[in-house]
Each structure stands twice: as C-alpha cells, then as structure tokens.
C-alpha atoms as a PDB file:
ATOM      1  CA  ARG A   1     -45.115 -26.877 -34.951  1.00  0.00           C
ATOM      2  CA  ASP A   2     -45.809 -27.164 -38.582  1.00  0.00           C
ATOM      3  CA  GLY A   3     -42.268 -28.154 -39.677  1.00  0.00           C
ATOM      4  CA  THR A   4     -41.445 -24.758 -41.168  1.00  0.00           C
ATOM      5  CA  ILE A   5     -38.927 -22.193 -40.428  1.00  0.00           C
ATOM      6  CA  ALA A   6     -38.819 -18.427 -41.012  1.00  0.00           C
ATOM      7  CA  ASP A   7     -37.093 -17.276 -44.243  1.00  0.00           C
ATOM      8  CA  GLN A   8     -34.403 -15.447 -42.372  1.00  0.00           C
ATOM      9  CA  ASP A   9     -33.596 -18.467 -40.434  1.00  0.00           C
ATOM     10  CA  PHE A  10     -33.216 -20.564 -43.508  1.00  0.00           C
ATOM     11  CA  ASN A  11     -31.188 -17.877 -45.171  1.00  0.00           C
ATOM     12  CA  ARG A  12     -28.852 -17.605 -42.313  1.00  0.00           C
ATOM     13  CA  TRP A  13     -28.383 -21.425 -42.327  1.00  0.00           C
ATOM     14  CA  LEU A  14     -27.763 -21.452 -46.098  1.00  0.00           C
ATOM     15  CA  VAL A  15     -25.037 -18.852 -45.805  1.00  0.00           C
ATOM     16  CA  GLN A  16     -23.326 -20.498 -42.797  1.00  0.00           C
ATOM     17  CA  ASP A  17     -23.648 -24.038 -44.199  1.00  0.00           C
ATOM     18  CA  ALA A  18     -22.014 -22.890 -47.465  1.00  0.00           C
ATOM     19  CA  LEU A  19     -19.133 -21.312 -45.505  1.00  0.00           C
ATOM     20  CA  PHE A  20     -18.735 -24.639 -43.707  1.00  0.00           C
ATOM     21  CA  VAL A  21     -18.818 -26.671 -46.971  1.00  0.00           C
ATOM     22  CA  ARG A  22     -16.258 -24.490 -48.424  1.00  0.00           C
ATOM     23  CA  ASP A  23     -13.998 -24.983 -45.489  1.00  0.00           C
ATOM     24  CA  LEU A  24     -14.694 -28.768 -45.627  1.00  0.00           C
ATOM     25  CA  LEU A  25     -13.805 -28.800 -49.349  1.00  0.00           C
ATOM     26  CA  THR A  26     -10.420 -27.128 -48.587  1.00  0.00           C
ATOM     27  CA  PHE A  27      -9.880 -29.789 -45.726  1.00  0.00           C
ATOM     28  CA  GLN A  28     -10.661 -32.681 -48.029  1.00  0.00           C
ATOM     29  CA  ALA A  29      -8.623 -31.271 -50.938  1.00  0.00           C
ATOM     30  CA  ARG A  30      -5.574 -31.233 -48.573  1.00  0.00           C
ATOM     31  CA  LEU A  31      -6.221 -34.873 -47.711  1.00  0.00           C
ATOM     32  CA  LEU A  32      -6.541 -35.711 -51.226  1.00  0.00           C
ATOM     33  CA  ALA A  33      -3.230 -34.069 -52.016  1.00  0.00           C
ATOM     34  CA  ARG A  34      -1.518 -36.157 -49.341  1.00  0.00           C
ATOM     35  CA  ALA A  35      -3.095 -39.426 -50.000  1.00  0.00           C
ATOM     36  CA  GLU A  36      -1.350 -42.310 -51.687  1.00  0.00           C
ATOM     37  CA  ARG A  37      -2.714 -43.071 -55.062  1.00  0.00           C
ATOM     38  CA  PRO A  38      -4.734 -46.086 -54.025  1.00  0.00           C
ATOM     39  CA  ALA A  39      -6.467 -44.066 -51.358  1.00  0.00           C
ATOM     40  CA  GLN A  40      -7.351 -41.122 -53.539  1.00  0.00           C
ATOM     41  CA  THR A  41     -10.773 -42.246 -54.810  1.00  0.00           C
ATOM     42  CA  ALA A  42     -12.805 -41.490 -51.654  1.00  0.00           C
ATOM     43  CA  PRO A  43     -11.493 -38.012 -50.946  1.00  0.00           C
ATOM     44  CA  ALA A  44     -11.728 -37.071 -54.769  1.00  0.00           C
ATOM     45  CA  ALA A  45     -15.462 -38.223 -54.735  1.00  0.00           C
ATOM     46  CA  GLY A  46     -15.954 -36.301 -51.543  1.00  0.00           C
ATOM     47  CA  CYS A  47     -14.523 -33.156 -53.091  1.00  0.00           C
ATOM     48  CA  ALA A  48     -16.777 -33.645 -56.232  1.00  0.00           C
ATOM     49  CA  ALA A  49     -19.894 -33.959 -53.957  1.00  0.00           C
ATOM     50  CA  LEU A  50     -18.967 -30.855 -52.098  1.00  0.00           C
ATOM     51  CA  VAL A  51     -18.540 -28.780 -55.214  1.00  0.00           C
ATOM     52  CA  SER A  52     -21.986 -30.070 -56.263  1.00  0.00           C
ATOM     53  CA  GLU A  53     -23.359 -28.926 -52.883  1.00  0.00           C
ATOM     54  CA  LEU A  54     -21.894 -25.553 -53.308  1.00  0.00           C
ATOM     55  CA  ASP A  55     -23.489 -25.320 -56.708  1.00  0.00           C
ATOM     56  CA  TRP A  56     -26.746 -26.011 -54.967  1.00  0.00           C
ATOM     57  CA  PHE A  57     -26.123 -23.306 -52.372  1.00  0.00           C
ATOM     58  CA  ASP A  58     -25.452 -20.715 -55.141  1.00  0.00           C
ATOM     59  CA  GLU A  59     -28.683 -21.744 -56.905  1.00  0.00           C
ATOM     60  CA  GLN A  60     -30.638 -21.350 -53.638  1.00  0.00           C
ATOM     61  CA  ALA A  61     -29.005 -18.005 -52.911  1.00  0.00           C
ATOM     62  CA  ALA A  62     -29.738 -16.716 -56.405  1.00  0.00           C
ATOM     63  CA  ALA A  63     -33.369 -17.661 -56.212  1.00  0.00           C
ATOM     64  CA  ARG A  64     -33.654 -15.976 -52.837  1.00  0.00           C
ATOM     65  CA  ALA A  65     -31.492 -13.003 -53.494  1.00  0.00           C
ATOM     66  CA  ILE A  66     -29.161 -13.772 -50.662  1.00  0.00           C
ATOM     67  CA  ASP A  67     -25.794 -12.143 -50.436  1.00  0.00           C
ATOM     68  CA  MET A  68     -23.441 -14.983 -49.663  1.00  0.00           C
ATOM     69  CA  ASN A  69     -20.581 -12.855 -48.843  1.00  0.00           C
ATOM     70  CA  GLN A  70     -21.369 -12.679 -45.047  1.00  0.00           C
ATOM     71  CA  PRO A  71     -19.109 -13.321 -42.162  1.00  0.00           C
ATOM     72  CA  ALA A  72     -18.985 -16.620 -40.437  1.00  0.00           C
ATOM     73  CA  LEU A  73     -20.846 -16.845 -37.125  1.00  0.00           C
ATOM     74  CA  PRO A  74     -19.171 -18.251 -34.081  1.00  0.00           C
ATOM     75  CA  ALA A  75     -20.180 -21.924 -34.549  1.00  0.00           C
ATOM     76  CA  THR A  76     -19.007 -21.751 -38.192  1.00  0.00           C
ATOM     77  CA  LEU A  77     -15.692 -20.258 -37.071  1.00  0.00           C
ATOM     78  CA  ALA A  78     -15.255 -23.092 -34.627  1.00  0.00           C
ATOM     79  CA  TYR A  79     -15.725 -25.567 -37.342  1.00  0.00           C
ATOM     80  CA  ARG A  80     -13.285 -23.773 -39.449  1.00  0.00           C
ATOM     81  CA  GLU A  81     -10.700 -23.823 -36.752  1.00  0.00           C
ATOM     82  CA  LEU A  82     -11.140 -27.511 -36.172  1.00  0.00           C
ATOM     83  CA  LEU A  83     -10.720 -28.405 -39.880  1.00  0.00           C
ATOM     84  CA  ALA A  84      -7.649 -26.220 -40.028  1.00  0.00           C
ATOM     85  CA  GLN A  85      -5.827 -28.155 -37.339  1.00  0.00           C
END
C-alpha cells in the first residue's frame, strides 16, 4: 500500500463525514441550549469548531466539484439516529 485512496472513495467519505458533522452540530447545539451558563463554554467552542470543519468540507467539495446533496449511507444514518436519541 502507498497510503493513498481512490478519488471516489475520498469523495464518498467527504460527503458522509460532512453529513455526520452537520448532525453532530445539531446535537451539540441542543446541548448548548440546555446547559447552565457556567457549562456553556465547552459546547459553544465545540459548535464553533464544527462550523469551521463544515467550511473545510465545503471548500474541498468545491475544489473537487462534488455535489454534497447526497443521501446518507447506512453508517451515517446510524450515527444520526444515535445522536437524535
């Protein structure tokens, strides 16, 4: 192995991980909204970091001409369901 992956595999990962990060942002935003004021710093910082990560996904998608409006695959859906509980 040379440490590389096929473009289509990277692109699929990019889309699916972006979907996961969006779901994680929603989850963390709900935590932030429910947290008492002294405990809001960590989830607020986490949300900000996830927004920055989503910006990176958008930049990568634009550079690769990837349509990010793709359906979630089974593993991504499973994470979505877990975060929604």
